[in-house]
């Protein structure tokens, strides 16, 4: 693939010189080998596409920067909240153990009350 995209497009779009009428051959300016003749409309269209691509890249970079900033803030929040979460987890375990202990005591008291009624 030694030809660039534009050169290959120009080659495909060009008519062979044998098919050109003699007056057409003399009217067209001779292009230097390796150069690409592009009309003003084609160039304007190309310029518009390049500008749109540049704007798209800018927007995507801004979106990426914003996402990275949000991720950094979330990670910082996570680091701040991790000790608090561990503390709450430990407190929850202690409260469950205390609840189980109270349940056992209540069950023993109820069993003693049942024994007295018999």
PDB file of N, CA and C in Angstrom:
ATOM      1  N   UNK A   1       0.849  -1.174   0.000  1.00  0.00           N
ATOM      2  CA  UNK A   1       0.000   0.000   0.000  1.00  0.00           C
ATOM      3  C   UNK A   1       0.888   1.227   0.000  1.00  0.00           C
ATOM      4  N   UNK A   2       1.525   1.462  -1.125  1.00  0.00           N
ATOM      5  CA  UNK A   2       2.437   2.592  -1.231  1.00  0.00           C
ATOM      6  C   UNK A   2       1.710   3.893  -1.489  1.00  0.00           C
ATOM      7  N   UNK A   3       0.465   3.826  -1.952  1.00  0.00           N
ATOM      8  CA  UNK A   3      -0.282   5.048  -2.227  1.00  0.00           C
ATOM      9  C   UNK A   3      -1.036   5.466  -0.973  1.00  0.00           C
ATOM     10  N   UNK A   4      -1.145   6.753  -0.785  1.00  0.00           N
ATOM     11  CA  UNK A   4      -1.950   7.236   0.337  1.00  0.00           C
ATOM     12  C   UNK A   4      -3.413   7.110  -0.035  1.00  0.00           C
ATOM     13  N   UNK A   5      -4.287   7.294   0.929  1.00  0.00           N
ATOM     14  CA  UNK A   5      -5.729   7.221   0.699  1.00  0.00           C
ATOM     15  C   UNK A   5      -6.151   8.202  -0.368  1.00  0.00           C
ATOM     16  N   UNK A   6      -5.643   9.421  -0.300  1.00  0.00           N
ATOM     17  CA  UNK A   6      -6.059  10.461  -1.241  1.00  0.00           C
ATOM     18  C   UNK A   6      -5.534  10.179  -2.647  1.00  0.00           C
ATOM     19  N   UNK A   7      -4.298   9.659  -2.724  1.00  0.00           N
ATOM     20  CA  UNK A   7      -3.749   9.346  -4.034  1.00  0.00           C
ATOM     21  C   UNK A   7      -4.526   8.229  -4.697  1.00  0.00           C
ATOM     22  N   UNK A   8      -4.900   7.208  -3.900  1.00  0.00           N
ATOM     23  CA  UNK A   8      -5.640   6.097  -4.492  1.00  0.00           C
ATOM     24  C   UNK A   8      -7.020   6.557  -4.925  1.00  0.00           C
ATOM     25  N   UNK A   9      -7.644   7.455  -4.160  1.00  0.00           N
ATOM     26  CA  UNK A   9      -8.943   8.001  -4.530  1.00  0.00           C
ATOM     27  C   UNK A   9      -8.825   8.811  -5.820  1.00  0.00           C
ATOM     28  N   UNK A  10      -7.757   9.577  -5.947  1.00  0.00           N
ATOM     29  CA  UNK A  10      -7.558  10.383  -7.147  1.00  0.00           C
ATOM     30  C   UNK A  10      -7.313   9.486  -8.358  1.00  0.00           C
ATOM     31  N   UNK A  11      -6.598   8.384  -8.155  1.00  0.00           N
ATOM     32  CA  UNK A  11      -6.321   7.467  -9.251  1.00  0.00           C
ATOM     33  C   UNK A  11      -7.613   6.800  -9.698  1.00  0.00           C
ATOM     34  N   UNK A  12      -8.455   6.393  -8.734  1.00  0.00           N
ATOM     35  CA  UNK A  12      -9.712   5.740  -9.080  1.00  0.00           C
ATOM     36  C   UNK A  12     -10.632   6.706  -9.810  1.00  0.00           C
ATOM     37  N   UNK A  13     -10.655   7.972  -9.394  1.00  0.00           N
ATOM     38  CA  UNK A  13     -11.561   8.959  -9.967  1.00  0.00           C
ATOM     39  C   UNK A  13     -11.077   9.510 -11.293  1.00  0.00           C
ATOM     40  N   UNK A  14      -9.838   9.339 -11.623  1.00  0.00           N
ATOM     41  CA  UNK A  14      -9.284   9.902 -12.864  1.00  0.00           C
ATOM     42  C   UNK A  14      -9.648   9.015 -14.037  1.00  0.00           C
ATOM     43  N   UNK A  15      -9.870   9.640 -15.168  1.00  0.00           N
ATOM     44  CA  UNK A  15     -10.132   8.893 -16.387  1.00  0.00           C
ATOM     45  C   UNK A  15      -8.795   8.644 -17.073  1.00  0.00           C
ATOM     46  N   UNK A  16      -8.653   7.495 -17.683  1.00  0.00           N
ATOM     47  CA  UNK A  16      -7.428   7.265 -18.452  1.00  0.00           C
ATOM     48  C   UNK A  16      -7.350   8.276 -19.584  1.00  0.00           C
ATOM     49  N   UNK A  17      -6.164   8.672 -19.919  1.00  0.00           N
ATOM     50  CA  UNK A  17      -5.985   9.716 -20.937  1.00  0.00           C
ATOM     51  C   UNK A  17      -6.484   9.281 -22.296  1.00  0.00           C
ATOM     52  N   UNK A  18      -6.534   7.941 -22.560  1.00  0.00           N
ATOM     53  CA  UNK A  18      -7.023   7.484 -23.840  1.00  0.00           C
ATOM     54  C   UNK A  18      -8.504   7.814 -24.007  1.00  0.00           C
ATOM     55  N   UNK A  19      -9.263   7.866 -22.880  1.00  0.00           N
ATOM     56  CA  UNK A  19     -10.692   8.133 -22.962  1.00  0.00           C
ATOM     57  C   UNK A  19     -10.998   9.625 -23.028  1.00  0.00           C
ATOM     58  N   UNK A  20     -10.072  10.489 -22.677  1.00  0.00           N
ATOM     59  CA  UNK A  20     -10.304  11.924 -22.717  1.00  0.00           C
ATOM     60  C   UNK A  20     -10.315  12.411 -24.152  1.00  0.00           C
ATOM     61  N   UNK A  21     -11.162  13.350 -24.422  1.00  0.00           N
ATOM     62  CA  UNK A  21     -11.207  13.957 -25.741  1.00  0.00           C
ATOM     63  C   UNK A  21      -9.974  14.837 -25.912  1.00  0.00           C
ATOM     64  N   UNK A  22      -9.519  15.052 -27.103  1.00  0.00           N
ATOM     65  CA  UNK A  22      -8.321  15.853 -27.327  1.00  0.00           C
ATOM     66  C   UNK A  22      -8.448  17.251 -26.743  1.00  0.00           C
ATOM     67  N   UNK A  23      -9.630  17.871 -26.812  1.00  0.00           N
ATOM     68  CA  UNK A  23      -9.757  19.220 -26.261  1.00  0.00           C
ATOM     69  C   UNK A  23      -9.701  19.188 -24.737  1.00  0.00           C
ATOM     70  N   UNK A  24     -10.135  18.070 -24.100  1.00  0.00           N
ATOM     71  CA  UNK A  24     -10.063  17.955 -22.654  1.00  0.00           C
ATOM     72  C   UNK A  24      -8.616  17.801 -22.208  1.00  0.00           C
ATOM     73  N   UNK A  25      -7.832  17.094 -22.992  1.00  0.00           N
ATOM     74  CA  UNK A  25      -6.440  16.897 -22.641  1.00  0.00           C
ATOM     75  C   UNK A  25      -5.692  18.219 -22.606  1.00  0.00           C
ATOM     76  N   UNK A  26      -5.978  19.101 -23.527  1.00  0.00           N
ATOM     77  CA  UNK A  26      -5.236  20.356 -23.584  1.00  0.00           C
ATOM     78  C   UNK A  26      -5.751  21.358 -22.561  1.00  0.00           C
ATOM     79  N   UNK A  27      -7.008  21.221 -22.090  1.00  0.00           N
ATOM     80  CA  UNK A  27      -7.571  22.181 -21.148  1.00  0.00           C
ATOM     81  C   UNK A  27      -7.149  21.904 -19.706  1.00  0.00           C
ATOM     82  N   UNK A  28      -6.889  20.659 -19.345  1.00  0.00           N
ATOM     83  CA  UNK A  28      -6.536  20.331 -17.968  1.00  0.00           C
ATOM     84  C   UNK A  28      -5.074  20.691 -17.721  1.00  0.00           C
ATOM     85  N   UNK A  29      -4.791  21.357 -16.589  1.00  0.00           N
ATOM     86  CA  UNK A  29      -3.397  21.678 -16.275  1.00  0.00           C
ATOM     87  C   UNK A  29      -2.636  20.406 -15.928  1.00  0.00           C
ATOM     88  N   UNK A  30      -1.412  20.401 -16.278  1.00  0.00           N
ATOM     89  CA  UNK A  30      -0.554  19.260 -15.979  1.00  0.00           C
ATOM     90  C   UNK A  30      -0.212  19.280 -14.494  1.00  0.00           C
ATOM     91  N   UNK A  31      -0.530  18.213 -13.786  1.00  0.00           N
ATOM     92  CA  UNK A  31      -0.202  18.095 -12.362  1.00  0.00           C
ATOM     93  C   UNK A  31       1.156  17.410 -12.250  1.00  0.00           C
ATOM     94  N   UNK A  32       1.908  17.862 -11.293  1.00  0.00           N
ATOM     95  CA  UNK A  32       3.208  17.239 -11.073  1.00  0.00           C
ATOM     96  C   UNK A  32       3.000  15.837 -10.549  1.00  0.00           C
ATOM     97  N   UNK A  33       3.865  14.911 -10.924  1.00  0.00           N
ATOM     98  CA  UNK A  33       3.721  13.543 -10.415  1.00  0.00           C
ATOM     99  C   UNK A  33       3.817  13.557  -8.880  1.00  0.00           C
ATOM    100  N   UNK A  34       2.924  12.807  -8.240  1.00  0.00           N
ATOM    101  CA  UNK A  34       2.947  12.722  -6.790  1.00  0.00           C
ATOM    102  C   UNK A  34       2.111  13.788  -6.101  1.00  0.00           C
ATOM    103  N   UNK A  35       1.565  14.745  -6.853  1.00  0.00           N
ATOM    104  CA  UNK A  35       0.722  15.759  -6.226  1.00  0.00           C
ATOM    105  C   UNK A  35      -0.726  15.357  -6.413  1.00  0.00           C
ATOM    106  N   UNK A  36      -1.574  15.926  -5.595  1.00  0.00           N
ATOM    107  CA  UNK A  36      -2.991  15.580  -5.615  1.00  0.00           C
ATOM    108  C   UNK A  36      -3.797  16.821  -5.893  1.00  0.00           C
ATOM    109  N   UNK A  37      -4.587  16.789  -6.931  1.00  0.00           N
ATOM    110  CA  UNK A  37      -5.445  17.917  -7.264  1.00  0.00           C
ATOM    111  C   UNK A  37      -6.762  17.746  -6.526  1.00  0.00           C
ATOM    112  N   UNK A  38      -7.094  18.714  -5.652  1.00  0.00           N
ATOM    113  CA  UNK A  38      -8.305  18.657  -4.856  1.00  0.00           C
ATOM    114  C   UNK A  38      -9.095  19.916  -5.124  1.00  0.00           C
ATOM    115  N   UNK A  39     -10.395  19.756  -5.380  1.00  0.00           N
ATOM    116  CA  UNK A  39     -11.221  20.935  -5.638  1.00  0.00           C
ATOM    117  C   UNK A  39     -11.454  21.695  -4.340  1.00  0.00           C
ATOM    118  N   UNK A  40     -11.900  22.932  -4.463  1.00  0.00           N
ATOM    119  CA  UNK A  40     -12.153  23.765  -3.284  1.00  0.00           C
ATOM    120  C   UNK A  40     -13.260  23.162  -2.432  1.00  0.00           C
ATOM    121  N   UNK A  41     -14.291  22.602  -3.059  1.00  0.00           N
ATOM    122  CA  UNK A  41     -15.380  21.977  -2.304  1.00  0.00           C
ATOM    123  C   UNK A  41     -14.892  20.753  -1.537  1.00  0.00           C
ATOM    124  N   UNK A  42     -14.076  19.946  -2.194  1.00  0.00           N
ATOM    125  CA  UNK A  42     -13.529  18.771  -1.514  1.00  0.00           C
ATOM    126  C   UNK A  42     -12.651  19.185  -0.345  1.00  0.00           C
ATOM    127  N   UNK A  43     -11.834  20.216  -0.575  1.00  0.00           N
ATOM    128  CA  UNK A  43     -10.953  20.684   0.484  1.00  0.00           C
ATOM    129  C   UNK A  43     -11.776  21.251   1.641  1.00  0.00           C
ATOM    130  N   UNK A  44     -12.836  22.003   1.337  1.00  0.00           N
ATOM    131  CA  UNK A  44     -13.704  22.565   2.366  1.00  0.00           C
ATOM    132  C   UNK A  44     -14.377  21.447   3.160  1.00  0.00           C
ATOM    133  N   UNK A  45     -14.840  20.428   2.467  1.00  0.00           N
ATOM    134  CA  UNK A  45     -15.452  19.280   3.146  1.00  0.00           C
ATOM    135  C   UNK A  45     -14.454  18.568   4.033  1.00  0.00           C
ATOM    136  N   UNK A  46     -13.247  18.403   3.528  1.00  0.00           N
ATOM    137  CA  UNK A  46     -12.194  17.771   4.311  1.00  0.00           C
ATOM    138  C   UNK A  46     -11.869  18.615   5.542  1.00  0.00           C
ATOM    139  N   UNK A  47     -11.785  19.920   5.345  1.00  0.00           N
ATOM    140  CA  UNK A  47     -11.505  20.829   6.460  1.00  0.00           C
ATOM    141  C   UNK A  47     -12.600  20.721   7.522  1.00  0.00           C
ATOM    142  N   UNK A  48     -13.855  20.669   7.107  1.00  0.00           N
ATOM    143  CA  UNK A  48     -14.965  20.529   8.048  1.00  0.00           C
ATOM    144  C   UNK A  48     -14.866  19.233   8.830  1.00  0.00           C
ATOM    145  N   UNK A  49     -14.538  18.148   8.137  1.00  0.00           N
ATOM    146  CA  UNK A  49     -14.411  16.866   8.834  1.00  0.00           C
ATOM    147  C   UNK A  49     -13.264  16.887   9.825  1.00  0.00           C
ATOM    148  N   UNK A  50     -12.159  17.509   9.457  1.00  0.00           N
ATOM    149  CA  UNK A  50     -11.015  17.601  10.368  1.00  0.00           C
ATOM    150  C   UNK A  50     -11.389  18.436  11.586  1.00  0.00           C
ATOM    151  N   UNK A  51     -12.084  19.550  11.378  1.00  0.00           N
ATOM    152  CA  UNK A  51     -12.504  20.388  12.501  1.00  0.00           C
ATOM    153  C   UNK A  51     -13.467  19.649  13.418  1.00  0.00           C
ATOM    154  N   UNK A  52     -14.388  18.896  12.834  1.00  0.00           N
ATOM    155  CA  UNK A  52     -15.307  18.103  13.668  1.00  0.00           C
ATOM    156  C   UNK A  52     -14.547  17.054  14.457  1.00  0.00           C
ATOM    157  N   UNK A  53     -13.566  16.433  13.827  1.00  0.00           N
ATOM    158  CA  UNK A  53     -12.759  15.421  14.518  1.00  0.00           C
ATOM    159  C   UNK A  53     -11.977  16.047  15.664  1.00  0.00           C
ATOM    160  N   UNK A  54     -11.435  17.243  15.439  1.00  0.00           N
ATOM    161  CA  UNK A  54     -10.687  17.944  16.490  1.00  0.00           C
ATOM    162  C   UNK A  54     -11.610  18.268  17.659  1.00  0.00           C
ATOM    163  N   UNK A  55     -12.814  18.753  17.364  1.00  0.00           N
ATOM    164  CA  UNK A  55     -13.777  19.071  18.424  1.00  0.00           C
ATOM    165  C   UNK A  55     -14.179  17.811  19.185  1.00  0.00           C
ATOM    166  N   UNK A  56     -14.368  16.724  18.461  1.00  0.00           N
ATOM    167  CA  UNK A  56     -14.718  15.467  19.100  1.00  0.00           C
ATOM    168  C   UNK A  56     -13.610  15.011  20.048  1.00  0.00           C
ATOM    169  N   UNK A  57     -12.371  15.112  19.597  1.00  0.00           N
ATOM    170  CA  UNK A  57     -11.236  14.723  20.434  1.00  0.00           C
ATOM    171  C   UNK A  57     -11.164  15.615  21.677  1.00  0.00           C
ATOM    172  N   UNK A  58     -11.400  16.924  21.497  1.00  0.00           N
ATOM    173  CA  UNK A  58     -11.384  17.836  22.646  1.00  0.00           C
ATOM    174  C   UNK A  58     -12.454  17.442  23.661  1.00  0.00           C
ATOM    175  N   UNK A  59     -13.677  17.186  23.166  1.00  0.00           N
ATOM    176  CA  UNK A  59     -14.766  16.814  24.077  1.00  0.00           C
ATOM    177  C   UNK A  59     -14.458  15.510  24.798  1.00  0.00           C
ATOM    178  N   UNK A  60     -13.918  14.553  24.072  1.00  0.00           N
ATOM    179  CA  UNK A  60     -13.592  13.266  24.685  1.00  0.00           C
ATOM    180  C   UNK A  60     -12.485  13.417  25.734  1.00  0.00           C
ATOM    181  N   UNK A  61     -11.504  14.260  25.456  1.00  0.00           N
ATOM    182  CA  UNK A  61     -10.444  14.493  26.437  1.00  0.00           C
ATOM    183  C   UNK A  61     -11.003  15.164  27.686  1.00  0.00           C
ATOM    184  N   UNK A  62     -11.917  16.129  27.508  1.00  0.00           N
ATOM    185  CA  UNK A  62     -12.539  16.788  28.654  1.00  0.00           C
ATOM    186  C   UNK A  62     -13.367  15.788  29.456  1.00  0.00           C
ATOM    187  N   UNK A  63     -14.118  14.947  28.754  1.00  0.00           N
ATOM    188  CA  UNK A  63     -14.929  13.940  29.439  1.00  0.00           C
ATOM    189  C   UNK A  63     -14.033  12.963  30.203  1.00  0.00           C
ATOM    190  N   UNK A  64     -12.927  12.593  29.590  1.00  0.00           N
ATOM    191  CA  UNK A  64     -12.000  11.670  30.260  1.00  0.00           C
ATOM    192  C   UNK A  64     -11.385  12.319  31.487  1.00  0.00           C
ATOM    193  N   UNK A  65     -10.991  13.585  31.364  1.00  0.00           N
ATOM    194  CA  UNK A  65     -10.409  14.294  32.507  1.00  0.00           C
ATOM    195  C   UNK A  65     -11.430  14.402  33.637  1.00  0.00           C
ATOM    196  N   UNK A  66     -12.682  14.697  33.291  1.00  0.00           N
ATOM    197  CA  UNK A  66     -13.730  14.797  34.309  1.00  0.00           C
ATOM    198  C   UNK A  66     -13.957  13.439  34.982  1.00  0.00           C
ATOM    199  N   UNK A  67     -13.967  12.376  34.190  1.00  0.00           N
ATOM    200  CA  UNK A  67     -14.159  11.037  34.743  1.00  0.00           C
ATOM    201  C   UNK A  67     -12.995  10.646  35.648  1.00  0.00           C
ATOM    202  N   UNK A  68     -11.782  10.986  35.237  1.00  0.00           N
ATOM    203  CA  UNK A  68     -10.615  10.679  36.074  1.00  0.00           C
ATOM    204  C   UNK A  68     -10.672  11.465  37.378  1.00  0.00           C
ATOM    205  N   UNK A  69     -11.139  12.714  37.304  1.00  0.00           N
ATOM    206  CA  UNK A  69     -11.265  13.529  38.515  1.00  0.00           C
ATOM    207  C   UNK A  69     -12.312  12.925  39.456  1.00  0.00           C
ATOM    208  N   UNK A  70     -13.456  12.514  38.893  1.00  0.00           N
ATOM    209  CA  UNK A  70     -14.496  11.887  39.725  1.00  0.00           C
ATOM    210  C   UNK A  70     -13.973  10.594  40.348  1.00  0.00           C
ATOM    211  N   UNK A  71     -13.228   9.820  39.587  1.00  0.00           N
ATOM    212  CA  UNK A  71     -12.679   8.566  40.100  1.00  0.00           C
ATOM    213  C   UNK A  71     -11.683   8.844  41.226  1.00  0.00           C
ATOM    214  N   UNK A  72     -10.863   9.873  41.067  1.00  0.00           N
ATOM    215  CA  UNK A  72      -9.890  10.216  42.108  1.00  0.00           C
ATOM    216  C   UNK A  72     -10.613  10.649  43.391  1.00  0.00           C
ATOM    217  N   UNK A  73     -11.695  11.458  43.216  1.00  0.00           N
ATOM    218  CA  UNK A  73     -12.464  11.882  44.396  1.00  0.00           C
ATOM    219  C   UNK A  73     -13.131  10.686  45.074  1.00  0.00           C
ATOM    220  N   UNK A  74     -13.658   9.767  44.283  1.00  0.00           N
ATOM    221  CA  UNK A  74     -14.306   8.581  44.844  1.00  0.00           C
ATOM    222  C   UNK A  74     -13.297   7.716  45.594  1.00  0.00           C
ATOM    223  N   UNK A  75     -12.101   7.572  45.036  1.00  0.00           N
ATOM    224  CA  UNK A  75     -11.063   6.794  45.718  1.00  0.00           C
ATOM    225  C   UNK A  75     -10.653   7.454  47.025  1.00  0.00           C
ATOM    226  N   UNK A  76     -10.541   8.779  47.025  1.00  0.00           N
ATOM    227  CA  UNK A  76     -10.194   9.498  48.256  1.00  0.00           C
ATOM    228  C   UNK A  76     -11.289   9.315  49.300  1.00  0.00           C
ATOM    229  N   UNK A  77     -12.541   9.398  48.853  1.00  0.00           N
ATOM    230  CA  UNK A  77     -13.657   9.177  49.779  1.00  0.00           C
ATOM    231  C   UNK A  77     -13.625   7.766  50.336  1.00  0.00           C
ATOM    232  N   UNK A  78     -13.328   6.809  49.490  1.00  0.00           N
ATOM    233  CA  UNK A  78     -13.246   5.419  49.924  1.00  0.00           C
ATOM    234  C   UNK A  78     -12.155   5.245  50.979  1.00  0.00           C
ATOM    235  N   UNK A  79     -11.000   5.862  50.738  1.00  0.00           N
ATOM    236  CA  UNK A  79      -9.910   5.770  51.728  1.00  0.00           C
ATOM    237  C   UNK A  79     -10.316   6.405  53.058  1.00  0.00           C
ATOM    238  N   UNK A  80     -11.082   7.510  52.992  1.00  0.00           N
ATOM    239  CA  UNK A  80     -11.538   8.161  54.214  1.00  0.00           C
ATOM    240  C   UNK A  80     -12.580   7.312  54.936  1.00  0.00           C
ATOM    241  N   UNK A  81     -13.454   6.656  54.193  1.00  0.00           N
ATOM    242  CA  UNK A  81     -14.562   5.912  54.785  1.00  0.00           C
ATOM    243  C   UNK A  81     -14.186   4.494  55.215  1.00  0.00           C
ATOM    244  N   UNK A  82     -13.102   3.951  54.705  1.00  0.00           N
ATOM    245  CA  UNK A  82     -12.724   2.570  55.016  1.00  0.00           C
ATOM    246  C   UNK A  82     -12.546   2.341  56.511  1.00  0.00           C
ATOM    247  N   UNK A  83     -11.811   3.194  57.245  1.00  0.00           N
ATOM    248  CA  UNK A  83     -11.691   2.962  58.693  1.00  0.00           C
ATOM    249  C   UNK A  83     -13.050   3.040  59.403  1.00  0.00           C
ATOM    250  N   UNK A  84     -13.896   3.961  58.975  1.00  0.00           N
ATOM    251  CA  UNK A  84     -15.224   4.099  59.571  1.00  0.00           C
ATOM    252  C   UNK A  84     -16.039   2.836  59.306  1.00  0.00           C
ATOM    253  N   UNK A  85     -15.950   2.293  58.108  1.00  0.00           N
ATOM    254  CA  UNK A  85     -16.678   1.075  57.771  1.00  0.00           C
ATOM    255  C   UNK A  85     -16.186  -0.103  58.609  1.00  0.00           C
ATOM    256  N   UNK A  86     -14.892  -0.208  58.806  1.00  0.00           N
ATOM    257  CA  UNK A  86     -14.336  -1.269  59.653  1.00  0.00           C
ATOM    258  C   UNK A  86     -14.833  -1.133  61.078  1.00  0.00           C
ATOM    259  N   UNK A  87     -14.833   0.099  61.570  1.00  0.00           N
ATOM    260  CA  UNK A  87     -15.308   0.351  62.940  1.00  0.00           C
ATOM    261  C   UNK A  87     -16.782  -0.048  63.067  1.00  0.00           C
ATOM    262  N   UNK A  88     -17.594   0.331  62.104  1.00  0.00           N
ATOM    263  CA  UNK A  88     -19.009  -0.014  62.139  1.00  0.00           C
ATOM    264  C   UNK A  88     -19.220  -1.524  62.035  1.00  0.00           C
ATOM    265  N   UNK A  89     -18.411  -2.192  61.236  1.00  0.00           N
ATOM    266  CA  UNK A  89     -18.504  -3.649  61.106  1.00  0.00           C
ATOM    267  C   UNK A  89     -18.173  -4.317  62.444  1.00  0.00           C
ATOM    268  N   UNK A  90     -17.149  -3.826  63.101  1.00  0.00           N
ATOM    269  CA  UNK A  90     -16.770  -4.387  64.399  1.00  0.00           C
ATOM    270  C   UNK A  90     -17.878  -4.123  65.428  1.00  0.00           C
ATOM    271  N   UNK A  91     -18.428  -2.917  65.429  1.00  0.00           N
ATOM    272  CA  UNK A  91     -19.512  -2.574  66.352  1.00  0.00           C
ATOM    273  C   UNK A  91     -20.732  -3.461  66.093  1.00  0.00           C
ATOM    274  N   UNK A  92     -21.043  -3.717  64.846  1.00  0.00           N
ATOM    275  CA  UNK A  92     -22.159  -4.586  64.494  1.00  0.00           C
ATOM    276  C   UNK A  92     -21.932  -5.997  65.031  1.00  0.00           C
ATOM    277  N   UNK A  93     -20.726  -6.501  64.892  1.00  0.00           N
ATOM    278  CA  UNK A  93     -20.403  -7.842  65.409  1.00  0.00           C
ATOM    279  C   UNK A  93     -20.578  -7.879  66.929  1.00  0.00           C
ATOM    280  N   UNK A  94     -20.106  -6.823  67.606  1.00  0.00           N
ATOM    281  CA  UNK A  94     -20.248  -6.757  69.066  1.00  0.00           C
ATOM    282  C   UNK A  94     -21.714  -6.697  69.479  1.00  0.00           C
ATOM    283  N   UNK A  95     -22.512  -5.924  68.768  1.00  0.00           N
ATOM    284  CA  UNK A  95     -23.935  -5.815  69.086  1.00  0.00           C
ATOM    285  C   UNK A  95     -24.654  -7.139  68.844  1.00  0.00           C
ATOM    286  N   UNK A  96     -24.297  -7.849  67.797  1.00  0.00           N
ATOM    287  CA  UNK A  96     -24.908  -9.163  67.544  1.00  0.00           C
ATOM    288  C   UNK A  96     -24.544 -10.148  68.655  1.00  0.00           C
ATOM    289  N   UNK A  97     -23.289 -10.111  69.082  1.00  0.00           N
ATOM    290  CA  UNK A  97     -22.860 -10.993  70.172  1.00  0.00           C
ATOM    291  C   UNK A  97     -23.621 -10.642  71.455  1.00  0.00           C
ATOM    292  N   UNK A  98     -23.773  -9.353  71.720  1.00  0.00           N
ATOM    293  CA  UNK A  98     -24.517  -8.918  72.906  1.00  0.00           C
ATOM    294  C   UNK A  98     -25.979  -9.348  72.817  1.00  0.00           C
ATOM    295  N   UNK A  99     -26.583  -9.228  71.643  1.00  0.00           N
ATOM    296  CA  UNK A  99     -27.970  -9.654  71.438  1.00  0.00           C
ATOM    297  C   UNK A  99     -28.117 -11.145  71.706  1.00  0.00           C
ATOM    298  N   UNK A 100     -27.170 -11.942  71.200  1.00  0.00           N
ATOM    299  CA  UNK A 100     -27.220 -13.381  71.439  1.00  0.00           C
ATOM    300  C   UNK A 100     -27.103 -13.686  72.932  1.00  0.00           C
ATOM    301  N   UNK A 101     -26.243 -12.970  73.617  1.00  0.00           N
ATOM    302  CA  UNK A 101     -26.059 -13.167  75.060  1.00  0.00           C
ATOM    303  C   UNK A 101     -27.351 -12.821  75.811  1.00  0.00           C
ATOM    304  N   UNK A 102     -27.989 -11.700  75.457  1.00  0.00           N
ATOM    305  CA  UNK A 102     -29.248 -11.290  76.092  1.00  0.00           C
ATOM    306  C   UNK A 102     -30.336 -12.310  75.790  1.00  0.00           C
ATOM    307  N   UNK A 103     -30.391 -12.822  74.578  1.00  0.00           N
ATOM    308  CA  UNK A 103     -31.386 -13.829  74.218  1.00  0.00           C
ATOM    309  C   UNK A 103     -31.229 -15.076  75.080  1.00  0.00           C
ATOM    310  N   UNK A 104     -29.982 -15.507  75.265  1.00  0.00           N
ATOM    311  CA  UNK A 104     -29.726 -16.687  76.101  1.00  0.00           C
ATOM    312  C   UNK A 104     -30.205 -16.447  77.538  1.00  0.00           C
ATOM    313  N   UNK A 105     -29.939 -15.266  78.070  1.00  0.00           N
ATOM    314  CA  UNK A 105     -30.362 -14.946  79.446  1.00  0.00           C
ATOM    315  C   UNK A 105     -31.888 -14.929  79.561  1.00  0.00           C
ATOM    316  N   UNK A 106     -32.549 -14.330  78.572  1.00  0.00           N
ATOM    317  CA  UNK A 106     -34.013 -14.287  78.583  1.00  0.00           C
ATOM    318  C   UNK A 106     -34.584 -15.694  78.482  1.00  0.00           C
ATOM    319  N   UNK A 107     -34.003 -16.528  77.632  1.00  0.00           N
ATOM    320  CA  UNK A 107     -34.479 -17.902  77.506  1.00  0.00           C
ATOM    321  C   UNK A 107     -34.311 -18.667  78.818  1.00  0.00           C
ATOM    322  N   UNK A 108     -33.186 -18.448  79.512  1.00  0.00           N
ATOM    323  CA  UNK A 108     -32.980 -19.105  80.814  1.00  0.00           C
ATOM    324  C   UNK A 108     -34.018 -18.637  81.831  1.00  0.00           C
ATOM    325  N   UNK A 109     -34.279 -17.303  81.836  1.00  0.00           N
ATOM    326  CA  UNK A 109     -35.287 -16.790  82.770  1.00  0.00           C
ATOM    327  C   UNK A 109     -36.681 -17.345  82.477  1.00  0.00           C
ATOM    328  N   UNK A 110     -37.019 -17.423  81.183  1.00  0.00           N
ATOM    329  CA  UNK A 110     -38.317 -17.983  80.819  1.00  0.00           C
ATOM    330  C   UNK A 110     -38.393 -19.471  81.202  1.00  0.00           C
ATOM    331  N   UNK A 111     -37.299 -20.180  81.041  1.00  0.00           N
ATOM    332  CA  UNK A 111     -37.276 -21.593  81.429  1.00  0.00           C
ATOM    333  C   UNK A 111     -37.467 -21.738  82.940  1.00  0.00           C
ATOM    334  N   UNK A 112     -36.864 -20.851  83.735  1.00  0.00           N
ATOM    335  CA  UNK A 112     -37.042 -20.872  85.197  1.00  0.00           C
ATOM    336  C   UNK A 112     -38.496 -20.568  85.564  1.00  0.00           C
ATOM    337  N   UNK A 113     -39.118 -19.589  84.880  1.00  0.00           N
ATOM    338  CA  UNK A 113     -40.521 -19.257  85.132  1.00  0.00           C
ATOM    339  C   UNK A 113     -41.430 -20.438  84.794  1.00  0.00           C
ATOM    340  N   UNK A 114     -41.138 -21.116  83.683  1.00  0.00           N
ATOM    341  CA  UNK A 114     -41.923 -22.301  83.322  1.00  0.00           C
ATOM    342  C   UNK A 114     -41.772 -23.377  84.374  1.00  0.00           C
ATOM    343  N   UNK A 115     -40.578 -23.525  84.938  1.00  0.00           N
ATOM    344  CA  UNK A 115     -40.331 -24.541  85.968  1.00  0.00           C
ATOM    345  C   UNK A 115     -41.101 -24.214  87.222  1.00  0.00           C
ATOM    346  N   UNK A 116     -41.284 -22.955  87.569  1.00  0.00           N
ATOM    347  CA  UNK A 116     -42.027 -22.559  88.766  1.00  0.00           C
ATOM    348  C   UNK A 116     -43.520 -22.826  88.611  1.00  0.00           C
ATOM    349  N   UNK A 117     -44.061 -22.720  87.455  1.00  0.00           N
ATOM    350  CA  UNK A 117     -45.488 -22.899  87.216  1.00  0.00           C
ATOM    351  C   UNK A 117     -45.891 -24.360  87.260  1.00  0.00           C
ATOM    352  N   UNK A 118     -45.013 -25.244  87.026  1.00  0.00           N
ATOM    353  CA  UNK A 118     -45.340 -26.666  86.998  1.00  0.00           C
ATOM    354  C   UNK A 118     -45.606 -27.194  88.335  1.00  0.00           C
TER     355      UNK A 118
END
